[in-house]
Amino acid sequence: MKLIAIDLDGTLLNSKHQVSSENENALRQAQQDGIEVVVSTGRAYFDVVSIFQPLGIKTWVISANGAVIHDPDGRLFHSETIDKKRAYDILSWLESENYYYEVFTDSAIYTQQNGRQLLDVELDRVKSANPEADLSVLIQAAEVQYSQSGFAYIDTFQELFEEDKQIDFYNILGFSFFKEKLEAGWQRYQHDKDLTLVSSADHNFELSSKKASKGQALERLAKRLNIPMNETAAVGDSLNDKSMLEAAGKGVAMGNAREDIKAIAGAVTLTNDEHGVAHMIRHLL
């Protein structure tokens, strides 16, 4: 095996959103053994840097669900953007329907000033409809979104299209605790020929260019590094990892992965709280 692509949330990061010492040591060992370690995530590049810089580990980074690729020294290798008119239409709809949204760009993750209030209102409505419901899982899902770095706050999406702004739109995320709102997002965009629609967690859907996916990015990077695809491995837990697991020579699902992701993987490792990435790397080595 010459290259290993690793998802972050639910995969390399444990439930505390941290890289365990076991996983950290496994990454170092893989690099020492000459394996190209690649982080492949829905997060923004600068957010990935904030996680890995304290560890002193440099890797190739596939970010924004495959829309952007940076080399280990931080140089941009490749990017795919959403057409600006399409981005405007998407954000107009999300805002008019009161979704919490995030816009991934090269400089920041833009989100609404009232974004947290929108989700607090949804939580209150869930609690009112189900007084006995345990909201801890929902609260944790929101905290995963808030744990990212690089946020910039706007009053309306229209600020992103002002004449003095030159923004590349890599990825747009819609988030809701209401099943019907998530289904509405899927129904609206699942047949759009210009967009890739995926999900990285139970309460979101994410849109990027049709030319952007983790699988396509992995193939681009493997070609750049002259590594045959059958010499690559990938590990992940969610729908946005599906294309990557299918493209890699060896696709591995986390123990905490969705059942449909486990079904398409060639192997299943331990959970993210059991250092499943380290377990997989030890097995491959």
Protein backbone atom coordinates (compact mmCIF):
# COMPACT_ATOMS: atom_id res chain seq x y z
CA MET A 1 0.00 0.00 0.00
CA LYS A 2 1.43 3.36 -1.04
CA LEU A 3 -1.32 5.84 -0.10
CA ILE A 4 -3.95 5.99 2.64
CA ALA A 5 -6.79 8.55 2.49
CA ILE A 6 -8.41 9.22 5.86
CA ASP A 7 -11.65 11.02 6.69
CA LEU A 8 -11.74 13.24 9.81
CA ASP A 9 -15.10 13.49 11.63
CA GLY A 10 -16.29 10.11 12.82
CA THR A 11 -13.05 8.55 11.55
CA LEU A 12 -9.68 9.99 12.59
CA LEU A 13 -11.30 12.30 15.16
CA ASN A 14 -12.89 10.68 18.19
CA SER A 15 -16.19 11.79 19.74
CA LYS A 16 -14.31 14.61 21.50
CA HIS A 17 -13.18 15.88 18.07
CA GLN A 18 -9.55 15.00 18.87
CA VAL A 19 -6.83 12.92 17.25
CA SER A 20 -5.95 10.25 19.82
CA SER A 21 -2.29 9.55 20.59
CA GLU A 22 -2.78 6.04 19.14
CA ASN A 23 -3.98 7.47 15.83
CA GLU A 24 -1.29 10.14 15.82
CA ASN A 25 1.45 7.56 16.32
CA ALA A 26 0.00 5.37 13.57
CA LEU A 27 0.05 8.29 11.11
CA ARG A 28 3.69 8.96 11.93
CA GLN A 29 4.57 5.28 11.52
CA ALA A 30 2.85 5.13 8.14
CA GLN A 31 4.78 8.17 6.94
CA GLN A 32 8.04 6.72 8.25
CA ASP A 33 7.31 3.56 6.26
CA GLY A 34 6.98 5.62 3.09
CA ILE A 35 3.19 5.63 2.83
CA GLU A 36 1.58 8.84 1.57
CA VAL A 37 -0.96 9.87 4.21
CA VAL A 38 -3.83 11.99 2.88
CA VAL A 39 -6.50 13.74 4.96
CA SER A 40 -9.80 13.72 3.06
CA THR A 41 -12.61 15.67 4.66
CA GLY A 42 -15.68 17.84 4.23
CA ARG A 43 -14.00 20.45 6.42
CA ALA A 44 -12.24 23.52 5.05
CA TYR A 45 -8.48 23.40 4.45
CA PHE A 46 -7.65 26.04 7.08
CA ASP A 47 -9.71 24.07 9.59
CA VAL A 48 -7.64 20.94 8.88
CA VAL A 49 -4.46 22.98 9.38
CA SER A 50 -5.69 24.10 12.81
CA ILE A 51 -6.02 20.43 13.81
CA PHE A 52 -2.71 19.16 12.43
CA GLN A 53 -0.38 22.09 13.02
CA PRO A 54 -0.12 21.40 16.78
CA LEU A 55 0.74 17.78 15.98
CA GLY A 56 3.55 18.76 13.64
CA ILE A 57 2.23 16.41 10.96
CA LYS A 58 2.11 17.51 7.32
CA THR A 59 0.03 15.65 4.75
CA TRP A 60 -1.74 16.16 1.46
CA VAL A 61 -5.22 17.50 2.22
CA ILE A 62 -8.39 16.89 0.25
CA SER A 63 -10.94 19.33 1.69
CA ALA A 64 -14.49 20.58 1.08
CA ASN A 65 -15.58 17.06 0.07
CA GLY A 66 -13.05 16.83 -2.74
CA ALA A 67 -13.39 20.35 -4.14
CA VAL A 68 -9.89 21.40 -3.04
CA ILE A 69 -6.49 19.67 -2.83
CA HIS A 70 -3.43 21.14 -1.07
CA ASP A 71 0.06 19.68 -0.90
CA PRO A 72 1.85 19.09 2.44
CA ASP A 73 3.42 22.56 2.30
CA GLY A 74 0.06 24.26 1.87
CA ARG A 75 0.25 24.97 -1.86
CA LEU A 76 -2.99 24.70 -3.82
CA PHE A 77 -2.83 21.78 -6.26
CA HIS A 78 -6.40 21.65 -7.59
CA SER A 79 -9.83 23.15 -6.98
CA GLU A 80 -13.37 22.87 -8.37
CA THR A 81 -15.87 25.63 -7.68
CA ILE A 82 -19.65 25.95 -7.83
CA ASP A 83 -20.83 28.31 -10.55
CA LYS A 84 -21.61 31.64 -8.87
CA LYS A 85 -25.12 31.86 -10.27
CA ARG A 86 -25.85 28.35 -8.97
CA ALA A 87 -24.36 29.30 -5.60
CA TYR A 88 -26.60 32.37 -5.47
CA ASP A 89 -29.70 30.29 -6.24
CA ILE A 90 -28.80 27.64 -3.65
CA LEU A 91 -28.14 30.15 -0.88
CA SER A 92 -31.24 32.15 -1.74
CA TRP A 93 -33.36 29.04 -1.28
CA LEU A 94 -31.62 27.92 1.93
CA GLU A 95 -32.02 31.35 3.50
CA SER A 96 -35.63 31.77 2.43
CA GLU A 97 -36.46 28.35 3.95
CA ASN A 98 -34.66 29.16 7.24
CA TYR A 99 -31.93 26.56 7.01
CA TYR A 100 -28.72 26.88 8.97
CA TYR A 101 -26.06 26.95 6.24
CA GLU A 102 -22.29 27.12 5.82
CA VAL A 103 -20.44 28.35 2.75
CA PHE A 104 -16.93 26.97 2.30
CA THR A 105 -14.53 29.33 0.52
CA ASP A 106 -10.76 29.73 0.29
CA SER A 107 -10.71 32.33 3.06
CA ALA A 108 -13.50 31.47 5.52
CA ILE A 109 -16.58 29.43 6.33
CA TYR A 110 -19.42 31.91 6.02
CA THR A 111 -22.56 31.39 8.08
CA GLN A 112 -25.47 33.48 9.37
CA GLN A 113 -25.20 35.71 12.41
CA ASN A 114 -28.42 34.11 13.65
CA GLY A 115 -27.39 30.56 12.73
CA ARG A 116 -27.23 29.23 16.27
CA GLN A 117 -30.56 30.82 17.10
CA LEU A 118 -32.12 29.04 14.11
CA LEU A 119 -30.91 25.68 15.42
CA ASP A 120 -31.96 26.55 19.00
CA VAL A 121 -35.49 27.22 17.70
CA GLU A 122 -35.48 23.84 15.95
CA LEU A 123 -34.28 22.11 19.12
CA ASP A 124 -37.06 23.77 21.12
CA ARG A 125 -39.63 22.59 18.59
CA VAL A 126 -38.25 19.03 18.69
CA LYS A 127 -38.43 19.08 22.49
CA SER A 128 -41.99 20.47 22.48
CA ALA A 129 -43.14 17.75 20.10
CA ASN A 130 -41.26 15.02 22.01
CA PRO A 131 -40.96 16.04 25.71
CA GLU A 132 -39.32 12.73 26.65
CA ALA A 133 -36.77 12.79 23.81
CA ASP A 134 -33.05 12.73 24.60
CA LEU A 135 -31.65 15.76 22.80
CA SER A 136 -28.01 15.03 23.62
CA VAL A 137 -27.34 13.46 20.20
CA LEU A 138 -28.80 16.49 18.44
CA ILE A 139 -26.85 18.91 20.62
CA GLN A 140 -23.65 16.98 19.88
CA ALA A 141 -24.38 17.17 16.13
CA ALA A 142 -24.64 20.95 16.38
CA GLU A 143 -21.44 21.11 18.41
CA VAL A 144 -19.57 19.30 15.62
CA GLN A 145 -20.55 22.13 13.28
CA TYR A 146 -19.58 24.79 15.80
CA SER A 147 -16.21 23.11 16.52
CA GLN A 148 -14.80 24.13 13.15
CA SER A 149 -12.38 27.02 12.88
CA GLY A 150 -12.41 29.87 10.38
CA PHE A 151 -16.00 31.08 10.68
CA ALA A 152 -17.02 34.49 9.33
CA TYR A 153 -20.53 35.77 10.03
CA ILE A 154 -22.95 37.47 7.64
CA ASP A 155 -26.45 38.89 7.96
CA THR A 156 -27.50 37.60 4.56
CA PHE A 157 -25.95 35.50 1.79
CA GLN A 158 -26.21 38.49 -0.55
CA GLU A 159 -23.16 39.99 1.15
CA LEU A 160 -21.07 37.28 -0.54
CA PHE A 161 -22.01 38.58 -3.98
CA GLU A 162 -21.16 42.24 -3.51
CA GLU A 163 -19.00 43.75 -6.24
CA ASP A 164 -15.90 44.11 -4.07
CA LYS A 165 -15.90 40.42 -3.14
CA GLN A 166 -14.18 37.79 -5.30
CA ILE A 167 -15.21 34.51 -3.71
CA ASP A 168 -14.72 30.95 -4.91
CA PHE A 169 -17.56 28.74 -3.68
CA TYR A 170 -16.26 25.25 -2.93
CA ASN A 171 -19.02 23.69 -0.86
CA ILE A 172 -22.41 24.69 0.57
CA LEU A 173 -23.87 22.86 3.56
CA GLY A 174 -27.48 22.88 4.71
CA PHE A 175 -28.29 21.67 8.24
CA SER A 176 -31.54 20.93 10.06
CA PHE A 177 -32.91 18.75 12.84
CA PHE A 178 -36.17 18.36 10.90
CA LYS A 179 -36.37 15.29 8.70
CA GLU A 180 -38.77 16.98 6.30
CA LYS A 181 -36.33 19.86 5.69
CA LEU A 182 -33.47 17.45 4.98
CA GLU A 183 -35.67 15.49 2.60
CA ALA A 184 -36.68 18.72 0.86
CA GLY A 185 -33.01 19.51 0.26
CA TRP A 186 -32.34 16.08 -1.19
CA GLN A 187 -35.41 16.20 -3.40
CA ARG A 188 -34.49 19.63 -4.69
CA TYR A 189 -30.89 18.84 -5.66
CA GLN A 190 -30.45 15.08 -6.07
CA HIS A 191 -31.10 15.17 -9.83
CA ASP A 192 -29.14 18.35 -10.51
CA LYS A 193 -26.62 17.54 -13.24
CA ASP A 194 -24.27 20.39 -12.25
CA LEU A 195 -23.91 19.44 -8.59
CA THR A 196 -22.63 16.67 -6.35
CA LEU A 197 -24.96 16.06 -3.39
CA VAL A 198 -23.66 14.17 -0.34
CA SER A 199 -24.08 14.06 3.42
CA SER A 200 -21.36 13.93 6.06
CA ALA A 201 -23.69 13.42 9.04
CA ASP A 202 -27.30 12.61 9.90
CA HIS A 203 -28.52 16.23 9.89
CA ASN A 204 -26.94 17.82 6.82
CA PHE A 205 -26.66 17.77 3.06
CA GLU A 206 -23.76 19.25 1.12
CA LEU A 207 -23.47 20.61 -2.39
CA SER A 208 -20.38 21.01 -4.55
CA SER A 209 -19.44 21.01 -8.22
CA LYS A 210 -20.22 17.85 -10.19
CA LYS A 211 -16.46 17.55 -10.72
CA ALA A 212 -15.85 17.51 -6.97
CA SER A 213 -16.04 14.41 -4.78
CA LYS A 214 -13.63 12.66 -2.48
CA GLY A 215 -13.34 9.83 -4.98
CA GLN A 216 -12.48 12.10 -7.90
CA ALA A 217 -9.98 14.01 -5.76
CA LEU A 218 -8.30 10.78 -4.67
CA GLU A 219 -7.93 9.71 -8.30
CA ARG A 220 -6.46 13.12 -9.24
CA LEU A 221 -3.97 12.96 -6.40
CA ALA A 222 -2.95 9.36 -7.04
CA LYS A 223 -2.28 10.27 -10.68
CA ARG A 224 -0.22 13.28 -9.57
CA LEU A 225 1.85 11.03 -7.28
CA ASN A 226 2.13 8.24 -9.87
CA ILE A 227 0.47 5.76 -7.51
CA PRO A 228 -1.81 3.10 -9.05
CA MET A 229 -5.30 3.10 -7.56
CA ASN A 230 -4.90 -0.52 -6.51
CA GLU A 231 -2.09 0.68 -4.23
CA THR A 232 -4.40 3.08 -2.37
CA ALA A 233 -6.63 2.62 0.67
CA ALA A 234 -9.36 4.86 2.08
CA VAL A 235 -11.27 4.86 5.36
CA GLY A 236 -14.45 6.71 6.32
CA ASP A 237 -17.84 6.52 7.98
CA SER A 238 -20.43 8.53 6.05
CA LEU A 239 -22.06 9.12 2.67
CA ASN A 240 -19.52 11.72 1.58
CA ASP A 241 -16.88 8.97 1.89
CA LYS A 242 -18.69 6.56 -0.44
CA SER A 243 -17.02 7.71 -3.66
CA MET A 244 -13.59 7.55 -2.00
CA LEU A 245 -14.09 4.04 -0.63
CA GLU A 246 -15.30 2.87 -4.02
CA ALA A 247 -12.40 4.50 -5.90
CA ALA A 248 -9.62 3.22 -3.60
CA GLY A 249 -7.98 -0.15 -4.08
CA LYS A 250 -9.05 -1.01 -0.54
CA GLY A 251 -12.07 0.70 1.02
CA VAL A 252 -12.41 0.44 4.80
CA ALA A 253 -15.43 1.48 6.87
CA MET A 254 -15.24 2.56 10.48
CA GLY A 255 -16.94 0.44 13.13
CA ASN A 256 -19.25 3.39 13.76
CA ALA A 257 -19.99 3.90 10.05
CA ARG A 258 -23.44 3.86 8.51
CA GLU A 259 -24.58 0.37 7.56
CA ASP A 260 -24.75 1.27 3.86
CA ILE A 261 -21.11 2.41 4.01
CA LYS A 262 -20.08 -0.83 5.70
CA ALA A 263 -21.89 -2.72 2.95
CA ILE A 264 -19.79 -1.20 0.15
CA ALA A 265 -16.47 -1.40 2.03
CA GLY A 266 -14.02 -4.23 1.65
CA ALA A 267 -13.33 -4.30 5.39
CA VAL A 268 -14.56 -2.80 8.66
CA THR A 269 -12.20 -1.53 11.36
CA LEU A 270 -12.88 -0.46 14.98
CA THR A 271 -14.84 2.67 15.92
CA ASN A 272 -13.41 6.19 16.08
CA ASP A 273 -13.36 5.97 19.89
CA GLU A 274 -11.43 2.68 19.65
CA HIS A 275 -8.68 4.19 17.45
CA GLY A 276 -10.03 2.45 14.35
CA VAL A 277 -7.65 4.31 12.02
CA ALA A 278 -4.62 3.11 13.99
CA HIS A 279 -6.01 -0.43 13.90
CA MET A 280 -6.41 -0.23 10.11
CA ILE A 281 -2.93 1.22 9.57
CA ARG A 282 -1.33 -1.49 11.73
CA HIS A 283 -3.17 -4.12 9.69
CA LEU A 284 -2.02 -2.59 6.38
CA LEU A 285 1.57 -2.24 7.57
